[in-house]
């Protein structure tokens, strides 16, 4: 009984080891030689590629083995193991790569059945650090008195601000990504009559859901749209008196562009509009609500 158990355990570990070692993914061909005998892919030493390595490459109609003849950190040059043929693809094509050369009978069906973008996709996690410049499109401040029916409103001449965001996100499917993070706001409101500058600070938790459009042709860059929410505490200083309270930004509508600069990081450009409600009060006054429609331009680093 013990011997059978050990044999079963050995077979189980062997099976799982082969699964771990096999690395199947769809890759983009960077270039192909004029002879069709060699080609370059965007996988290098940082991905575990080494000179002399043999791997399997597959298209919808054929599979072949190639050998690494040169490698640097990010790219590798491969040559057909059988020099009698030529590669059945061109620069910019996607093909399947696997480091298990015994998978020839499984790779062709996979390519025929699965959409290309799903084969390319791998779930990933990212940090994004963004700096935002905000400009209020409209603003009103309402003070509510229990003894008086109605509200009073003050219109501001100008409100500009700067924001810093750090977001942790999970790109969990081809098109969808969620993120959570922290946001720090610094804004200044200018009132014309009477002449007054009113600084405000906010410290908020944020959450967002993004939809990624397909990558632009032969690049890893893409556009996205999204919706978000933010909630936290705020304070506003007026003539050395400070009012405190809470702030809710909802909805936050986003349109952005991700430009991949290197394998490990990208630049992010984003435009967004948000509706923000800031509820604050002084120690001896009733609560006031500041309603703001903000437009924002952002630039950041995603890594």
C-alpha atoms as a PDB file:
ATOM      1  CA  UNK A   1       0.000   0.000   0.000  1.00  0.00           C
ATOM      2  CA  UNK A   2       2.796   2.388   0.932  1.00  0.00           C
ATOM      3  CA  UNK A   3       4.676   1.550  -2.279  1.00  0.00           C
ATOM      4  CA  UNK A   4       1.571   2.265  -4.397  1.00  0.00           C
ATOM      5  CA  UNK A   5       1.089   5.568  -2.605  1.00  0.00           C
ATOM      6  CA  UNK A   6       4.695   6.586  -3.255  1.00  0.00           C
ATOM      7  CA  UNK A   7       4.389   5.645  -6.936  1.00  0.00           C
ATOM      8  CA  UNK A   8       1.178   7.684  -7.254  1.00  0.00           C
ATOM      9  CA  UNK A   9       2.807  10.664  -5.505  1.00  0.00           C
ATOM     10  CA  UNK A  10       5.808  10.485  -7.813  1.00  0.00           C
ATOM     11  CA  UNK A  11       3.617  10.409 -10.928  1.00  0.00           C
ATOM     12  CA  UNK A  12       1.534  13.297  -9.607  1.00  0.00           C
ATOM     13  CA  UNK A  13       4.596  15.466  -8.925  1.00  0.00           C
ATOM     14  CA  UNK A  14       6.081  14.596 -12.304  1.00  0.00           C
ATOM     15  CA  UNK A  15       2.854  15.575 -14.091  1.00  0.00           C
ATOM     16  CA  UNK A  16       2.601  18.886 -12.266  1.00  0.00           C
ATOM     17  CA  UNK A  17       6.276  19.663 -12.846  1.00  0.00           C
ATOM     18  CA  UNK A  18       5.830  19.283 -16.574  1.00  0.00           C
ATOM     19  CA  UNK A  19       2.854  21.636 -16.426  1.00  0.00           C
ATOM     20  CA  UNK A  20       4.874  24.239 -14.518  1.00  0.00           C
ATOM     21  CA  UNK A  21       7.832  24.020 -16.890  1.00  0.00           C
ATOM     22  CA  UNK A  22       5.671  24.431 -19.981  1.00  0.00           C
ATOM     23  CA  UNK A  23       5.181  28.090 -20.751  1.00  0.00           C
ATOM     24  CA  UNK A  24       2.595  28.561 -23.521  1.00  0.00           C
ATOM     25  CA  UNK A  25       1.894  32.071 -24.760  1.00  0.00           C
ATOM     26  CA  UNK A  26       1.162  34.041 -27.902  1.00  0.00           C
ATOM     27  CA  UNK A  27       4.056  36.327 -28.915  1.00  0.00           C
ATOM     28  CA  UNK A  28       4.602  39.048 -31.497  1.00  0.00           C
ATOM     29  CA  UNK A  29       7.286  38.503 -34.161  1.00  0.00           C
ATOM     30  CA  UNK A  30       9.617  41.524 -34.104  1.00  0.00           C
ATOM     31  CA  UNK A  31      11.481  40.768 -37.348  1.00  0.00           C
ATOM     32  CA  UNK A  32      12.223  37.971 -39.841  1.00  0.00           C
ATOM     33  CA  UNK A  33      15.433  37.494 -41.864  1.00  0.00           C
ATOM     34  CA  UNK A  34      15.292  37.745 -45.653  1.00  0.00           C
ATOM     35  CA  UNK A  35      16.155  34.039 -45.910  1.00  0.00           C
ATOM     36  CA  UNK A  36      13.241  33.107 -43.631  1.00  0.00           C
ATOM     37  CA  UNK A  37      15.557  30.926 -41.528  1.00  0.00           C
ATOM     38  CA  UNK A  38      15.734  33.143 -38.439  1.00  0.00           C
ATOM     39  CA  UNK A  39      13.557  35.598 -36.533  1.00  0.00           C
ATOM     40  CA  UNK A  40      13.489  37.822 -33.441  1.00  0.00           C
ATOM     41  CA  UNK A  41      10.958  37.785 -30.577  1.00  0.00           C
ATOM     42  CA  UNK A  42      10.485  40.066 -27.582  1.00  0.00           C
ATOM     43  CA  UNK A  43      11.658  37.587 -24.975  1.00  0.00           C
ATOM     44  CA  UNK A  44      15.161  37.743 -23.565  1.00  0.00           C
ATOM     45  CA  UNK A  45      17.364  36.880 -20.635  1.00  0.00           C
ATOM     46  CA  UNK A  46      14.952  38.505 -18.175  1.00  0.00           C
ATOM     47  CA  UNK A  47      12.333  35.956 -19.301  1.00  0.00           C
ATOM     48  CA  UNK A  48      14.667  32.991 -18.791  1.00  0.00           C
ATOM     49  CA  UNK A  49      15.769  32.659 -22.439  1.00  0.00           C
ATOM     50  CA  UNK A  50      19.337  31.361 -22.924  1.00  0.00           C
ATOM     51  CA  UNK A  51      21.605  30.608 -25.889  1.00  0.00           C
ATOM     52  CA  UNK A  52      21.148  27.079 -27.245  1.00  0.00           C
ATOM     53  CA  UNK A  53      17.605  26.746 -25.882  1.00  0.00           C
ATOM     54  CA  UNK A  54      15.150  24.837 -28.072  1.00  0.00           C
ATOM     55  CA  UNK A  55      11.460  25.755 -28.088  1.00  0.00           C
ATOM     56  CA  UNK A  56       8.335  25.034 -30.095  1.00  0.00           C
ATOM     57  CA  UNK A  57       6.641  27.666 -32.275  1.00  0.00           C
ATOM     58  CA  UNK A  58       3.204  27.141 -33.822  1.00  0.00           C
ATOM     59  CA  UNK A  59       0.914  28.837 -36.317  1.00  0.00           C
ATOM     60  CA  UNK A  60      -2.599  27.773 -37.274  1.00  0.00           C
ATOM     61  CA  UNK A  61      -1.258  25.333 -39.844  1.00  0.00           C
ATOM     62  CA  UNK A  62       2.197  24.213 -38.725  1.00  0.00           C
ATOM     63  CA  UNK A  63       4.614  23.804 -35.830  1.00  0.00           C
ATOM     64  CA  UNK A  64       8.405  23.781 -35.795  1.00  0.00           C
ATOM     65  CA  UNK A  65      11.358  23.794 -33.430  1.00  0.00           C
ATOM     66  CA  UNK A  66      13.839  26.688 -33.268  1.00  0.00           C
ATOM     67  CA  UNK A  67      17.107  27.279 -31.408  1.00  0.00           C
ATOM     68  CA  UNK A  68      18.336  30.477 -29.710  1.00  0.00           C
ATOM     69  CA  UNK A  69      21.529  31.769 -31.341  1.00  0.00           C
ATOM     70  CA  UNK A  70      21.715  35.219 -29.703  1.00  0.00           C
ATOM     71  CA  UNK A  71      20.039  36.746 -26.676  1.00  0.00           C
ATOM     72  CA  UNK A  72      20.087  40.021 -24.747  1.00  0.00           C
ATOM     73  CA  UNK A  73      18.006  41.271 -21.853  1.00  0.00           C
ATOM     74  CA  UNK A  74      14.794  41.928 -23.792  1.00  0.00           C
ATOM     75  CA  UNK A  75      15.092  40.160 -27.173  1.00  0.00           C
ATOM     76  CA  UNK A  76      16.274  36.838 -28.601  1.00  0.00           C
ATOM     77  CA  UNK A  77      17.301  35.677 -32.100  1.00  0.00           C
ATOM     78  CA  UNK A  78      16.088  32.226 -33.128  1.00  0.00           C
ATOM     79  CA  UNK A  79      17.032  29.923 -36.034  1.00  0.00           C
ATOM     80  CA  UNK A  80      15.063  27.009 -37.473  1.00  0.00           C
ATOM     81  CA  UNK A  81      16.399  23.674 -36.286  1.00  0.00           C
ATOM     82  CA  UNK A  82      15.582  22.167 -39.686  1.00  0.00           C
ATOM     83  CA  UNK A  83      17.267  24.337 -42.334  1.00  0.00           C
ATOM     84  CA  UNK A  84      15.297  22.763 -45.181  1.00  0.00           C
ATOM     85  CA  UNK A  85      12.325  25.041 -44.600  1.00  0.00           C
ATOM     86  CA  UNK A  86      11.459  28.666 -43.895  1.00  0.00           C
ATOM     87  CA  UNK A  87       9.337  30.280 -41.202  1.00  0.00           C
ATOM     88  CA  UNK A  88       5.596  30.444 -42.116  1.00  0.00           C
ATOM     89  CA  UNK A  89       5.013  33.978 -40.808  1.00  0.00           C
ATOM     90  CA  UNK A  90       6.040  37.612 -41.247  1.00  0.00           C
ATOM     91  CA  UNK A  91       7.001  40.523 -39.022  1.00  0.00           C
ATOM     92  CA  UNK A  92       4.030  41.611 -36.918  1.00  0.00           C
ATOM     93  CA  UNK A  93       2.335  38.191 -36.885  1.00  0.00           C
ATOM     94  CA  UNK A  94       1.370  36.450 -33.662  1.00  0.00           C
ATOM     95  CA  UNK A  95       2.463  32.846 -33.085  1.00  0.00           C
ATOM     96  CA  UNK A  96       2.385  30.471 -30.140  1.00  0.00           C
ATOM     97  CA  UNK A  97       5.579  29.925 -28.155  1.00  0.00           C
ATOM     98  CA  UNK A  98       6.129  27.072 -25.704  1.00  0.00           C
ATOM     99  CA  UNK A  99       9.277  25.800 -24.026  1.00  0.00           C
ATOM    100  CA  UNK A 100       7.884  22.246 -24.064  1.00  0.00           C
ATOM    101  CA  UNK A 101       8.761  20.825 -27.516  1.00  0.00           C
ATOM    102  CA  UNK A 102       6.512  17.810 -26.893  1.00  0.00           C
ATOM    103  CA  UNK A 103       3.355  19.957 -27.130  1.00  0.00           C
ATOM    104  CA  UNK A 104       3.140  19.933 -30.931  1.00  0.00           C
ATOM    105  CA  UNK A 105      -0.241  18.116 -31.005  1.00  0.00           C
ATOM    106  CA  UNK A 106      -1.915  20.528 -28.583  1.00  0.00           C
ATOM    107  CA  UNK A 107      -0.710  23.902 -29.899  1.00  0.00           C
ATOM    108  CA  UNK A 108      -2.426  23.851 -33.324  1.00  0.00           C
ATOM    109  CA  UNK A 109      -5.943  23.153 -31.911  1.00  0.00           C
ATOM    110  CA  UNK A 110      -5.433  25.911 -29.335  1.00  0.00           C
ATOM    111  CA  UNK A 111      -4.709  28.480 -32.041  1.00  0.00           C
ATOM    112  CA  UNK A 112      -7.692  27.399 -34.116  1.00  0.00           C
ATOM    113  CA  UNK A 113     -10.205  27.621 -31.268  1.00  0.00           C
ATOM    114  CA  UNK A 114      -9.145  30.540 -29.065  1.00  0.00           C
ATOM    115  CA  UNK A 115      -9.309  34.231 -30.095  1.00  0.00           C
ATOM    116  CA  UNK A 116      -5.894  35.804 -30.561  1.00  0.00           C
ATOM    117  CA  UNK A 117      -6.348  38.460 -27.861  1.00  0.00           C
ATOM    118  CA  UNK A 118      -7.251  35.812 -25.269  1.00  0.00           C
ATOM    119  CA  UNK A 119      -4.127  33.810 -26.066  1.00  0.00           C
ATOM    120  CA  UNK A 120      -1.978  36.924 -25.733  1.00  0.00           C
ATOM    121  CA  UNK A 121      -3.545  38.021 -22.440  1.00  0.00           C
ATOM    122  CA  UNK A 122      -2.027  37.232 -19.059  1.00  0.00           C
ATOM    123  CA  UNK A 123      -3.543  38.448 -15.792  1.00  0.00           C
ATOM    124  CA  UNK A 124      -1.368  41.189 -14.325  1.00  0.00           C
ATOM    125  CA  UNK A 125      -1.105  43.513 -11.338  1.00  0.00           C
ATOM    126  CA  UNK A 126       0.090  47.113 -11.535  1.00  0.00           C
ATOM    127  CA  UNK A 127       0.874  50.233  -9.534  1.00  0.00           C
ATOM    128  CA  UNK A 128       0.001  53.571 -11.128  1.00  0.00           C
ATOM    129  CA  UNK A 129       1.259  56.925  -9.825  1.00  0.00           C
ATOM    130  CA  UNK A 130      -0.564  59.903 -11.351  1.00  0.00           C
ATOM    131  CA  UNK A 131      -0.378  63.658 -11.033  1.00  0.00           C
ATOM    132  CA  UNK A 132      -3.589  65.571 -11.869  1.00  0.00           C
ATOM    133  CA  UNK A 133      -4.339  69.183 -12.693  1.00  0.00           C
ATOM    134  CA  UNK A 134      -7.972  70.085 -12.005  1.00  0.00           C
ATOM    135  CA  UNK A 135     -10.106  73.011 -13.089  1.00  0.00           C
ATOM    136  CA  UNK A 136     -13.632  73.519 -11.795  1.00  0.00           C
ATOM    137  CA  UNK A 137     -16.251  73.845 -14.536  1.00  0.00           C
ATOM    138  CA  UNK A 138     -18.903  74.918 -12.024  1.00  0.00           C
ATOM    139  CA  UNK A 139     -19.199  75.341  -8.260  1.00  0.00           C
ATOM    140  CA  UNK A 140     -21.830  76.341  -5.739  1.00  0.00           C
ATOM    141  CA  UNK A 141     -21.812  76.537  -1.930  1.00  0.00           C
ATOM    142  CA  UNK A 142     -25.066  76.045  -0.064  1.00  0.00           C
ATOM    143  CA  UNK A 143     -25.704  76.868   3.604  1.00  0.00           C
ATOM    144  CA  UNK A 144     -28.765  75.294   5.222  1.00  0.00           C
ATOM    145  CA  UNK A 145     -30.483  77.009   8.126  1.00  0.00           C
ATOM    146  CA  UNK A 146     -33.130  74.986   9.982  1.00  0.00           C
ATOM    147  CA  UNK A 147     -35.176  78.140  10.638  1.00  0.00           C
ATOM    148  CA  UNK A 148     -35.139  79.325   7.044  1.00  0.00           C
ATOM    149  CA  UNK A 149     -36.558  77.483   4.097  1.00  0.00           C
ATOM    150  CA  UNK A 150     -34.284  77.279   1.076  1.00  0.00           C
ATOM    151  CA  UNK A 151     -30.572  77.626   0.436  1.00  0.00           C
ATOM    152  CA  UNK A 152     -28.058  80.374  -0.145  1.00  0.00           C
ATOM    153  CA  UNK A 153     -25.461  80.047  -2.869  1.00  0.00           C
ATOM    154  CA  UNK A 154     -22.095  81.684  -3.523  1.00  0.00           C
ATOM    155  CA  UNK A 155     -20.523  81.430  -6.962  1.00  0.00           C
ATOM    156  CA  UNK A 156     -16.729  81.328  -7.095  1.00  0.00           C
ATOM    157  CA  UNK A 157     -14.619  83.019  -9.733  1.00  0.00           C
ATOM    158  CA  UNK A 158     -11.975  80.328 -10.043  1.00  0.00           C
ATOM    159  CA  UNK A 159     -10.993  76.980  -8.522  1.00  0.00           C
ATOM    160  CA  UNK A 160      -7.855  75.147  -9.593  1.00  0.00           C
ATOM    161  CA  UNK A 161      -6.103  72.264  -7.933  1.00  0.00           C
ATOM    162  CA  UNK A 162      -3.449  69.590  -7.995  1.00  0.00           C
ATOM    163  CA  UNK A 163      -3.910  65.959  -7.062  1.00  0.00           C
ATOM    164  CA  UNK A 164      -1.646  62.998  -6.446  1.00  0.00           C
ATOM    165  CA  UNK A 165      -2.976  59.429  -6.845  1.00  0.00           C
ATOM    166  CA  UNK A 166      -1.464  56.017  -6.144  1.00  0.00           C
ATOM    167  CA  UNK A 167      -3.556  53.102  -7.455  1.00  0.00           C
ATOM    168  CA  UNK A 168      -3.078  49.340  -7.180  1.00  0.00           C
ATOM    169  CA  UNK A 169      -4.929  47.484  -9.947  1.00  0.00           C
ATOM    170  CA  UNK A 170      -5.668  44.001 -11.262  1.00  0.00           C
ATOM    171  CA  UNK A 171      -6.030  43.568 -15.048  1.00  0.00           C
ATOM    172  CA  UNK A 172      -8.051  40.361 -14.621  1.00  0.00           C
ATOM    173  CA  UNK A 173      -9.505  39.783 -18.117  1.00  0.00           C
ATOM    174  CA  UNK A 174      -8.625  40.893 -21.631  1.00  0.00           C
ATOM    175  CA  UNK A 175     -10.716  44.068 -21.377  1.00  0.00           C
ATOM    176  CA  UNK A 176     -11.455  44.635 -17.671  1.00  0.00           C
ATOM    177  CA  UNK A 177      -9.415  45.989 -14.785  1.00  0.00           C
ATOM    178  CA  UNK A 178     -10.276  47.102 -11.250  1.00  0.00           C
ATOM    179  CA  UNK A 179      -8.196  49.353  -9.014  1.00  0.00           C
ATOM    180  CA  UNK A 180      -8.116  50.806  -5.501  1.00  0.00           C
ATOM    181  CA  UNK A 181      -5.892  53.491  -4.068  1.00  0.00           C
ATOM    182  CA  UNK A 182      -5.273  56.767  -2.270  1.00  0.00           C
ATOM    183  CA  UNK A 183      -5.765  60.326  -3.478  1.00  0.00           C
ATOM    184  CA  UNK A 184      -4.498  63.628  -2.060  1.00  0.00           C
ATOM    185  CA  UNK A 185      -6.036  66.918  -3.285  1.00  0.00           C
ATOM    186  CA  UNK A 186      -4.885  70.482  -2.885  1.00  0.00           C
ATOM    187  CA  UNK A 187      -7.201  73.158  -4.325  1.00  0.00           C
ATOM    188  CA  UNK A 188      -7.532  76.919  -4.120  1.00  0.00           C
ATOM    189  CA  UNK A 189     -10.747  78.854  -4.625  1.00  0.00           C
ATOM    190  CA  UNK A 190     -10.600  82.522  -5.618  1.00  0.00           C
ATOM    191  CA  UNK A 191     -13.608  84.734  -4.851  1.00  0.00           C
ATOM    192  CA  UNK A 192     -13.867  88.158  -6.465  1.00  0.00           C
ATOM    193  CA  UNK A 193     -16.185  89.907  -4.024  1.00  0.00           C
ATOM    194  CA  UNK A 194     -14.904  90.043  -1.404  1.00  0.00           C
ATOM    195  CA  UNK A 195     -11.379  89.302  -2.682  1.00  0.00           C
ATOM    196  CA  UNK A 196     -10.476  86.048  -0.985  1.00  0.00           C
ATOM    197  CA  UNK A 197      -8.383  82.903  -1.526  1.00  0.00           C
ATOM    198  CA  UNK A 198      -9.750  79.741   0.076  1.00  0.00           C
ATOM    199  CA  UNK A 199      -7.481  76.647   0.139  1.00  0.00           C
ATOM    200  CA  UNK A 200      -8.978  73.161   0.520  1.00  0.00           C
ATOM    201  CA  UNK A 201      -7.367  69.777   1.212  1.00  0.00           C
ATOM    202  CA  UNK A 202      -8.817  66.295   0.701  1.00  0.00           C
ATOM    203  CA  UNK A 203      -7.586  62.831   1.685  1.00  0.00           C
ATOM    204  CA  UNK A 204      -9.588  60.086  -0.006  1.00  0.00           C
ATOM    205  CA  UNK A 205      -9.806  56.394  -0.781  1.00  0.00           C
ATOM    206  CA  UNK A 206     -10.537  55.634  -4.426  1.00  0.00           C
ATOM    207  CA  UNK A 207     -11.911  52.734  -6.485  1.00  0.00           C
ATOM    208  CA  UNK A 208     -12.241  52.384 -10.245  1.00  0.00           C
ATOM    209  CA  UNK A 209     -13.292  49.999 -12.988  1.00  0.00           C
ATOM    210  CA  UNK A 210     -11.645  50.290 -16.412  1.00  0.00           C
ATOM    211  CA  UNK A 211     -12.503  48.869 -19.824  1.00  0.00           C
ATOM    212  CA  UNK A 212      -9.473  48.426 -22.109  1.00  0.00           C
ATOM    213  CA  UNK A 213      -9.916  48.689 -25.868  1.00  0.00           C
ATOM    214  CA  UNK A 214      -7.846  46.356 -28.101  1.00  0.00           C
ATOM    215  CA  UNK A 215      -4.194  47.310 -28.609  1.00  0.00           C
ATOM    216  CA  UNK A 216      -3.349  49.576 -31.508  1.00  0.00           C
ATOM    217  CA  UNK A 217      -1.928  47.768 -34.531  1.00  0.00           C
ATOM    218  CA  UNK A 218       1.459  46.090 -33.870  1.00  0.00           C
ATOM    219  CA  UNK A 219       1.895  47.852 -30.508  1.00  0.00           C
ATOM    220  CA  UNK A 220       1.266  47.187 -26.823  1.00  0.00           C
ATOM    221  CA  UNK A 221      -0.486  50.574 -26.457  1.00  0.00           C
ATOM    222  CA  UNK A 222      -4.210  50.948 -25.908  1.00  0.00           C
ATOM    223  CA  UNK A 223      -6.979  53.366 -24.951  1.00  0.00           C
ATOM    224  CA  UNK A 224      -9.438  52.832 -22.100  1.00  0.00           C
ATOM    225  CA  UNK A 225     -12.545  54.263 -20.509  1.00  0.00           C
ATOM    226  CA  UNK A 226     -13.561  53.931 -16.893  1.00  0.00           C
ATOM    227  CA  UNK A 227     -15.715  54.984 -13.988  1.00  0.00           C
ATOM    228  CA  UNK A 228     -14.638  55.617 -10.416  1.00  0.00           C
ATOM    229  CA  UNK A 229     -15.577  56.786  -6.953  1.00  0.00           C
ATOM    230  CA  UNK A 230     -13.660  58.482  -4.121  1.00  0.00           C
ATOM    231  CA  UNK A 231     -14.536  59.168  -0.480  1.00  0.00           C
ATOM    232  CA  UNK A 232     -12.656  60.735   2.413  1.00  0.00           C
ATOM    233  CA  UNK A 233     -12.136  63.703   4.690  1.00  0.00           C
ATOM    234  CA  UNK A 234     -11.547  67.347   3.786  1.00  0.00           C
ATOM    235  CA  UNK A 235     -10.794  70.729   5.330  1.00  0.00           C
ATOM    236  CA  UNK A 236     -11.134  74.299   4.098  1.00  0.00           C
ATOM    237  CA  UNK A 237      -9.481  77.421   5.546  1.00  0.00           C
ATOM    238  CA  UNK A 238     -11.283  80.794   5.446  1.00  0.00           C
ATOM    239  CA  UNK A 239      -9.608  83.756   7.184  1.00  0.00           C
ATOM    240  CA  UNK A 240      -7.609  81.415   9.437  1.00  0.00           C
ATOM    241  CA  UNK A 241     -10.776  79.535  10.457  1.00  0.00           C
ATOM    242  CA  UNK A 242     -10.897  75.874   9.444  1.00  0.00           C
ATOM    243  CA  UNK A 243     -14.011  73.909   8.515  1.00  0.00           C
ATOM    244  CA  UNK A 244     -13.817  70.113   8.340  1.00  0.00           C
ATOM    245  CA  UNK A 245     -16.000  67.336   6.983  1.00  0.00           C
ATOM    246  CA  UNK A 246     -16.279  64.641   4.345  1.00  0.00           C
ATOM    247  CA  UNK A 247     -16.042  64.550   0.552  1.00  0.00           C
ATOM    248  CA  UNK A 248     -17.638  62.223  -1.988  1.00  0.00           C
ATOM    249  CA  UNK A 249     -16.621  62.198  -5.655  1.00  0.00           C
ATOM    250  CA  UNK A 250     -19.143  60.238  -7.737  1.00  0.00           C
ATOM    251  CA  UNK A 251     -19.178  59.543 -10.568  1.00  0.00           C
ATOM    252  CA  UNK A 252     -15.660  59.990 -11.935  1.00  0.00           C
ATOM    253  CA  UNK A 253     -15.695  59.359 -15.692  1.00  0.00           C
ATOM    254  CA  UNK A 254     -12.317  58.667 -17.327  1.00  0.00           C
ATOM    255  CA  UNK A 255     -10.824  58.418 -20.809  1.00  0.00           C
ATOM    256  CA  UNK A 256      -7.178  57.409 -21.021  1.00  0.00           C
ATOM    257  CA  UNK A 257      -4.273  56.141 -23.091  1.00  0.00           C
ATOM    258  CA  UNK A 258      -1.506  53.728 -22.017  1.00  0.00           C
ATOM    259  CA  UNK A 259       1.814  53.992 -23.869  1.00  0.00           C
ATOM    260  CA  UNK A 260       4.179  51.098 -23.091  1.00  0.00           C
ATOM    261  CA  UNK A 261       7.712  52.493 -22.897  1.00  0.00           C
ATOM    262  CA  UNK A 262       9.465  49.306 -21.739  1.00  0.00           C
ATOM    263  CA  UNK A 263       8.548  45.796 -20.657  1.00  0.00           C
ATOM    264  CA  UNK A 264       8.198  46.896 -17.030  1.00  0.00           C
ATOM    265  CA  UNK A 265       6.493  50.286 -17.193  1.00  0.00           C
ATOM    266  CA  UNK A 266       4.204  52.521 -19.248  1.00  0.00           C
ATOM    267  CA  UNK A 267       3.149  56.146 -19.396  1.00  0.00           C
ATOM    268  CA  UNK A 268      -0.510  56.958 -18.713  1.00  0.00           C
ATOM    269  CA  UNK A 269      -2.367  59.988 -20.094  1.00  0.00           C
ATOM    270  CA  UNK A 270      -5.904  60.599 -18.849  1.00  0.00           C
ATOM    271  CA  UNK A 271      -8.759  63.101 -19.013  1.00  0.00           C
ATOM    272  CA  UNK A 272     -11.641  62.877 -16.559  1.00  0.00           C
ATOM    273  CA  UNK A 273     -14.701  64.690 -15.263  1.00  0.00           C
ATOM    274  CA  UNK A 274     -16.044  64.259 -11.741  1.00  0.00           C
ATOM    275  CA  UNK A 275     -18.980  65.415  -9.635  1.00  0.00           C
ATOM    276  CA  UNK A 276     -17.810  66.217  -6.125  1.00  0.00           C
ATOM    277  CA  UNK A 277     -19.841  66.995  -2.981  1.00  0.00           C
ATOM    278  CA  UNK A 278     -17.923  68.441  -0.025  1.00  0.00           C
ATOM    279  CA  UNK A 279     -19.843  68.612   3.282  1.00  0.00           C
ATOM    280  CA  UNK A 280     -18.072  70.735   5.903  1.00  0.00           C
ATOM    281  CA  UNK A 281     -18.799  72.853   8.959  1.00  0.00           C
ATOM    282  CA  UNK A 282     -17.011  75.085  11.454  1.00  0.00           C
ATOM    283  CA  UNK A 283     -17.102  74.192  15.141  1.00  0.00           C
ATOM    284  CA  UNK A 284     -20.047  76.543  15.847  1.00  0.00           C
ATOM    285  CA  UNK A 285     -21.918  76.582  12.508  1.00  0.00           C
ATOM    286  CA  UNK A 286     -24.230  74.407  10.464  1.00  0.00           C
ATOM    287  CA  UNK A 287     -22.910  72.173   7.745  1.00  0.00           C
ATOM    288  CA  UNK A 288     -22.328  73.616   4.283  1.00  0.00           C
ATOM    289  CA  UNK A 289     -22.260  71.645   1.042  1.00  0.00           C
ATOM    290  CA  UNK A 290     -19.911  72.584  -1.783  1.00  0.00           C
ATOM    291  CA  UNK A 291     -20.900  71.030  -5.118  1.00  0.00           C
ATOM    292  CA  UNK A 292     -18.179  71.005  -7.765  1.00  0.00           C
ATOM    293  CA  UNK A 293     -17.916  69.719 -11.322  1.00  0.00           C
ATOM    294  CA  UNK A 294     -14.217  69.196 -11.979  1.00  0.00           C
ATOM    295  CA  UNK A 295     -12.361  68.597 -15.224  1.00  0.00           C
ATOM    296  CA  UNK A 296      -8.951  66.935 -14.837  1.00  0.00           C
ATOM    297  CA  UNK A 297      -5.894  66.255 -16.992  1.00  0.00           C
ATOM    298  CA  UNK A 298      -3.494  63.595 -15.714  1.00  0.00           C
ATOM    299  CA  UNK A 299      -0.126  62.062 -16.512  1.00  0.00           C
ATOM    300  CA  UNK A 300       1.384  59.118 -14.698  1.00  0.00           C
ATOM    301  CA  UNK A 301       3.617  56.073 -14.635  1.00  0.00           C
ATOM    302  CA  UNK A 302       2.259  52.518 -14.604  1.00  0.00           C
ATOM    303  CA  UNK A 303       4.576  49.750 -13.422  1.00  0.00           C
END
